[in-house]
Each structure stands twice: as structure tokens, then as C-alpha cells.
N, C-alpha and C. Protein backbone atom coordinates (compact mmCIF):
# COMPACT_ATOMS: atom_id res chain seq x y z
N UNK A 1 76.04 140.45 11.08
CA UNK A 1 76.08 141.10 10.23
C UNK A 1 77.31 141.01 9.03
N UNK A 2 76.40 139.80 7.85
CA UNK A 2 77.59 139.32 7.03
C UNK A 2 76.97 140.06 5.97
N UNK A 3 75.69 139.97 5.61
CA UNK A 3 75.17 140.69 4.38
C UNK A 3 76.20 142.25 4.00
N UNK A 4 76.89 141.97 2.60
CA UNK A 4 77.51 142.99 2.10
C UNK A 4 76.36 144.54 1.75
N UNK A 5 75.10 144.37 1.84
CA UNK A 5 74.27 145.48 2.26
C UNK A 5 74.40 146.30 3.85
N UNK A 6 74.65 145.00 4.47
CA UNK A 6 75.00 145.58 6.20
C UNK A 6 75.81 146.30 6.23
N UNK A 7 77.14 145.87 5.43
CA UNK A 7 78.34 146.53 5.56
C UNK A 7 78.88 147.92 5.17
N UNK A 8 77.92 148.03 4.04
CA UNK A 8 77.30 149.57 3.40
C UNK A 8 77.19 149.80 3.86
N UNK A 9 75.70 149.44 4.71
CA UNK A 9 74.95 150.55 5.85
C UNK A 9 76.14 151.23 7.07
N UNK A 10 76.85 150.48 7.63
CA UNK A 10 77.89 150.34 8.73
C UNK A 10 78.69 151.75 8.12
N UNK A 11 79.40 151.26 6.93
CA UNK A 11 80.14 152.17 6.35
C UNK A 11 79.79 153.72 6.32
N UNK A 12 78.55 153.74 5.59
CA UNK A 12 77.63 154.96 5.34
C UNK A 12 77.73 155.58 6.72
N UNK A 13 77.11 154.92 7.74
CA UNK A 13 76.97 155.50 8.99
C UNK A 13 78.10 156.13 9.61
N UNK A 14 78.98 155.39 9.23
CA UNK A 14 80.08 155.90 9.48
C UNK A 14 80.90 157.13 8.96
N UNK A 15 80.75 157.30 7.82
CA UNK A 15 80.94 158.62 6.85
C UNK A 15 79.85 159.88 7.38
N UNK A 16 79.12 159.20 7.73
CA UNK A 16 77.77 159.95 7.81
C UNK A 16 77.99 160.76 9.37
N UNK A 17 78.09 160.22 10.26
CA UNK A 17 78.38 160.81 11.62
C UNK A 17 79.78 161.52 11.80
N UNK A 18 80.80 161.03 10.53
CA UNK A 18 82.14 161.85 10.87
C UNK A 18 81.65 163.25 10.09
N UNK A 19 80.92 163.07 8.66
CA UNK A 19 80.59 164.47 8.03
C UNK A 19 80.10 165.50 8.96
N UNK A 20 79.15 165.33 9.80
CA UNK A 20 78.51 165.83 11.20
C UNK A 20 79.71 166.29 12.09
N UNK A 21 80.24 165.23 12.64
CA UNK A 21 80.81 165.42 13.61
C UNK A 21 81.60 166.41 13.42
N UNK A 22 82.68 166.24 12.32
CA UNK A 22 83.66 167.14 12.22
C UNK A 22 83.31 168.60 11.79
N UNK A 23 82.26 169.01 11.53
CA UNK A 23 81.95 170.15 11.73
C UNK A 23 82.54 171.09 10.37
N UNK A 24 82.59 170.48 8.72
CA UNK A 24 83.15 171.23 7.92
C UNK A 24 82.36 171.96 6.62
N UNK A 25 81.38 172.73 8.09
CA UNK A 25 79.70 173.75 7.50
C UNK A 25 78.87 172.96 7.29
N UNK A 26 78.39 173.75 6.85
CA UNK A 26 76.53 173.93 6.69
C UNK A 26 76.31 172.98 5.48
N UNK A 27 76.94 172.89 4.32
CA UNK A 27 76.98 171.73 3.22
C UNK A 27 77.12 170.67 3.41
N UNK A 28 78.56 170.44 4.54
CA UNK A 28 79.12 168.85 4.26
C UNK A 28 78.17 168.54 5.66
N UNK A 29 77.50 169.00 6.61
CA UNK A 29 76.62 168.60 7.54
C UNK A 29 75.13 168.41 7.12
N UNK A 30 74.78 168.99 6.00
CA UNK A 30 73.47 168.44 5.23
C UNK A 30 73.89 167.39 4.51
N UNK A 31 75.05 167.24 3.95
CA UNK A 31 75.12 166.01 3.21
C UNK A 31 75.26 164.85 4.10
N UNK A 32 76.09 165.15 4.71
CA UNK A 32 75.61 164.12 6.20
C UNK A 32 74.11 163.44 6.67
N UNK A 33 73.81 164.35 6.58
CA UNK A 33 72.23 164.01 6.98
C UNK A 33 71.44 163.42 5.93
N UNK A 34 71.94 163.64 4.69
CA UNK A 34 71.09 162.85 3.50
C UNK A 34 72.17 161.62 3.31
N UNK A 35 72.95 161.72 3.44
CA UNK A 35 73.49 160.00 3.94
C UNK A 35 73.13 159.14 4.93
N UNK A 36 72.90 159.95 6.37
CA UNK A 36 72.27 159.44 7.32
C UNK A 36 70.56 158.84 6.63
N UNK A 37 69.91 159.67 5.80
CA UNK A 37 68.64 159.34 5.21
C UNK A 37 68.94 157.65 4.67
N UNK A 38 70.05 157.89 3.76
CA UNK A 38 70.21 156.51 2.93
C UNK A 38 70.51 155.26 3.43
N UNK A 39 71.55 155.81 4.47
CA UNK A 39 71.98 154.48 5.08
C UNK A 39 70.85 154.24 6.26
N UNK A 40 69.44 155.19 6.50
CA UNK A 40 68.67 154.20 7.37
C UNK A 40 67.89 153.77 6.74
N UNK A 41 67.54 154.15 5.05
CA UNK A 41 66.76 153.03 4.20
C UNK A 41 67.11 152.09 4.08
N UNK A 42 68.95 151.81 3.79
CA UNK A 42 69.24 150.70 3.84
C UNK A 42 69.15 149.86 4.46
N UNK A 43 69.26 150.31 6.15
CA UNK A 43 69.21 149.23 7.39
C UNK A 43 67.67 148.84 7.35
N UNK A 44 66.63 149.92 6.51
CA UNK A 44 65.12 149.51 7.15
C UNK A 44 65.24 148.17 5.92
N UNK A 45 65.50 147.98 5.30
CA UNK A 45 65.18 147.11 4.10
C UNK A 45 65.81 145.74 4.44
N UNK A 46 67.26 146.42 4.90
CA UNK A 46 68.20 145.05 5.40
C UNK A 46 67.17 144.08 6.90
N UNK A 47 66.77 145.30 7.48
CA UNK A 47 65.91 144.83 8.88
C UNK A 47 64.44 143.86 8.35
N UNK A 48 64.00 144.51 7.42
CA UNK A 48 62.33 143.93 6.62
C UNK A 48 62.93 142.47 6.20
N UNK A 49 64.01 142.36 5.48
CA UNK A 49 64.15 141.09 4.67
C UNK A 49 65.08 140.51 5.42
N UNK A 50 65.89 140.80 6.69
CA UNK A 50 66.62 139.26 7.22
C UNK A 50 65.54 139.65 8.02
N UNK A 51 64.52 139.79 9.05
CA UNK A 51 64.00 139.32 10.12
C UNK A 51 64.60 139.93 10.93
N UNK A 52 64.80 141.21 10.76
CA UNK A 52 65.52 142.12 12.28
C UNK A 52 63.95 143.38 12.13
N UNK A 53 63.41 143.10 12.54
CA UNK A 53 62.65 143.98 13.31
C UNK A 53 62.86 145.19 13.80
N UNK A 54 63.71 144.90 15.22
CA UNK A 54 63.98 146.16 15.98
C UNK A 54 65.13 147.19 15.28
N UNK A 55 65.81 146.54 14.48
CA UNK A 55 67.10 147.19 13.12
C UNK A 55 65.75 147.97 12.63
N UNK A 56 64.65 147.47 12.01
CA UNK A 56 63.94 148.16 10.83
C UNK A 56 63.31 149.49 11.62
N UNK A 57 62.58 149.02 13.10
CA UNK A 57 61.83 150.18 13.81
C UNK A 57 62.52 151.25 14.10
N UNK A 58 64.50 151.26 14.63
CA UNK A 58 64.91 152.08 15.36
C UNK A 58 65.28 152.55 13.94
N UNK A 59 65.61 152.51 12.39
CA UNK A 59 65.92 153.29 11.70
C UNK A 59 64.74 153.88 10.87
N UNK A 60 63.58 153.10 11.04
CA UNK A 60 62.50 154.03 10.65
C UNK A 60 62.37 155.50 11.58
N UNK A 61 62.62 155.33 12.22
CA UNK A 61 62.72 156.68 13.84
C UNK A 61 63.98 157.46 13.50
N UNK A 62 65.21 157.20 13.18
CA UNK A 62 65.78 157.81 12.70
C UNK A 62 65.76 158.39 11.50
N UNK A 63 65.30 157.40 10.02
CA UNK A 63 64.89 158.30 9.28
C UNK A 63 64.19 159.37 9.19
N UNK A 64 63.38 159.87 10.18
CA UNK A 64 62.48 160.80 10.16
C UNK A 64 63.39 161.79 11.22
N UNK A 65 64.11 162.00 12.03
CA UNK A 65 65.06 162.34 12.86
C UNK A 65 66.20 163.02 11.49
N UNK A 66 66.52 162.41 10.98
CA UNK A 66 67.68 162.70 10.03
C UNK A 66 66.77 163.46 8.98
N UNK A 67 65.72 162.74 8.64
CA UNK A 67 64.66 163.53 7.15
C UNK A 67 65.09 165.35 7.85
N UNK A 68 64.47 165.79 9.37
CA UNK A 68 64.38 166.84 10.29
C UNK A 68 65.30 167.22 9.98
N UNK A 69 66.26 166.91 9.84
CA UNK A 69 67.90 167.55 9.54
C UNK A 69 68.29 168.27 8.01
N UNK A 70 67.96 166.91 7.31
CA UNK A 70 68.19 167.67 6.06
C UNK A 70 66.96 168.95 5.36
N UNK A 71 65.58 168.62 6.61
CA UNK A 71 64.84 169.71 6.25
C UNK A 71 65.52 171.24 6.45
N UNK A 72 66.12 170.86 8.12
CA UNK A 72 67.11 172.04 8.60
C UNK A 72 67.72 173.18 8.04
N UNK A 73 68.44 171.79 7.62
CA UNK A 73 69.82 172.18 7.11
C UNK A 73 70.09 172.81 5.59
N UNK A 74 68.56 172.27 4.47
CA UNK A 74 68.46 172.48 3.40
C UNK A 74 67.34 173.91 3.33
N UNK A 75 65.91 173.20 3.81
CA UNK A 75 64.85 173.85 3.28
C UNK A 75 64.16 174.95 4.41
N UNK A 76 64.54 174.91 5.80
CA UNK A 76 63.86 175.75 6.62
C UNK A 76 64.43 177.34 5.77
N UNK A 77 63.09 178.05 5.79
CA UNK A 77 63.21 179.20 5.28
C UNK A 77 64.05 179.86 6.21
N UNK A 78 64.20 180.05 7.29
CA UNK A 78 65.42 180.62 8.13
C UNK A 78 66.68 180.45 7.78
N UNK A 79 66.78 178.81 7.49
CA UNK A 79 68.02 178.93 7.07
C UNK A 79 68.46 179.04 5.74
N UNK A 80 67.69 179.16 5.08
CA UNK A 80 68.21 179.43 3.62
C UNK A 80 68.49 180.73 3.22
N UNK A 81 67.62 181.70 4.09
CA UNK A 81 67.64 183.25 4.12
C UNK A 81 69.73 183.56 4.69
N UNK A 82 69.85 182.66 5.95
CA UNK A 82 70.61 183.00 6.30
C UNK A 82 72.33 182.62 5.58
N UNK A 83 71.78 181.58 4.40
CA UNK A 83 72.95 180.82 3.92
C UNK A 83 73.22 181.25 2.46
N UNK A 84 72.17 182.50 2.17
CA UNK A 84 72.11 182.59 0.66
C UNK A 84 73.81 183.19 -0.02
N UNK A 85 74.19 184.21 0.96
CA UNK A 85 75.31 184.58 0.43
C UNK A 85 76.68 184.11 1.15
N UNK A 86 76.19 183.04 1.53
CA UNK A 86 77.22 181.74 1.68
C UNK A 86 77.55 180.75 1.34
N UNK A 87 79.32 180.66 0.87
CA UNK A 87 79.29 179.05 0.74
C UNK A 87 79.83 178.10 1.76
N UNK A 88 79.31 176.83 1.69
CA UNK A 88 79.40 176.05 2.82
C UNK A 88 80.63 174.85 2.62
């Protein structure tokens, strides 16, 4: 893990997991999932160009999972109605 792109992805993953784990509100958690999606895309690119297919495959699945998290926190009708009057 010497490529600067991999370091950026690793630091981004730590920040995203912290945003979710510290439970700073719905908005921070939603942004944590967005950051996880960006990090997953970065890892996929790094894995494909660096010949590390397991990293690319794992992050492809994680991208789907975190995309679901973005949908749940920002776009799911149930959560949009409940958060309409709240700020997070």
C-alpha cells in the first residue's frame, strides 16, 4: 500500500467509519455513507489498475451496500417524511 491513491482511500475509510460510528445525526451518517461510496470507487480503481482483484471485488460489493445506506438515509420515502421537519 504505497500508492498515494490507496492512502487517500484508507484515510477516507477511517473518516467515513468514524462519521457513522460517532452517531452525530442523520446528516453526518448519510455523508459517511457517501464518503464510503467514494472510497469504494477509489479502491475499485486501485484494485483494477494495481492487479489486486480481491480488493476490487470486495469494494464492488461494499459500494452496493453503502449505496443502499445512502438511499436509506436520503431517499427512502419513510425517512424523508420523518426528517422533513428536523435538521441533523
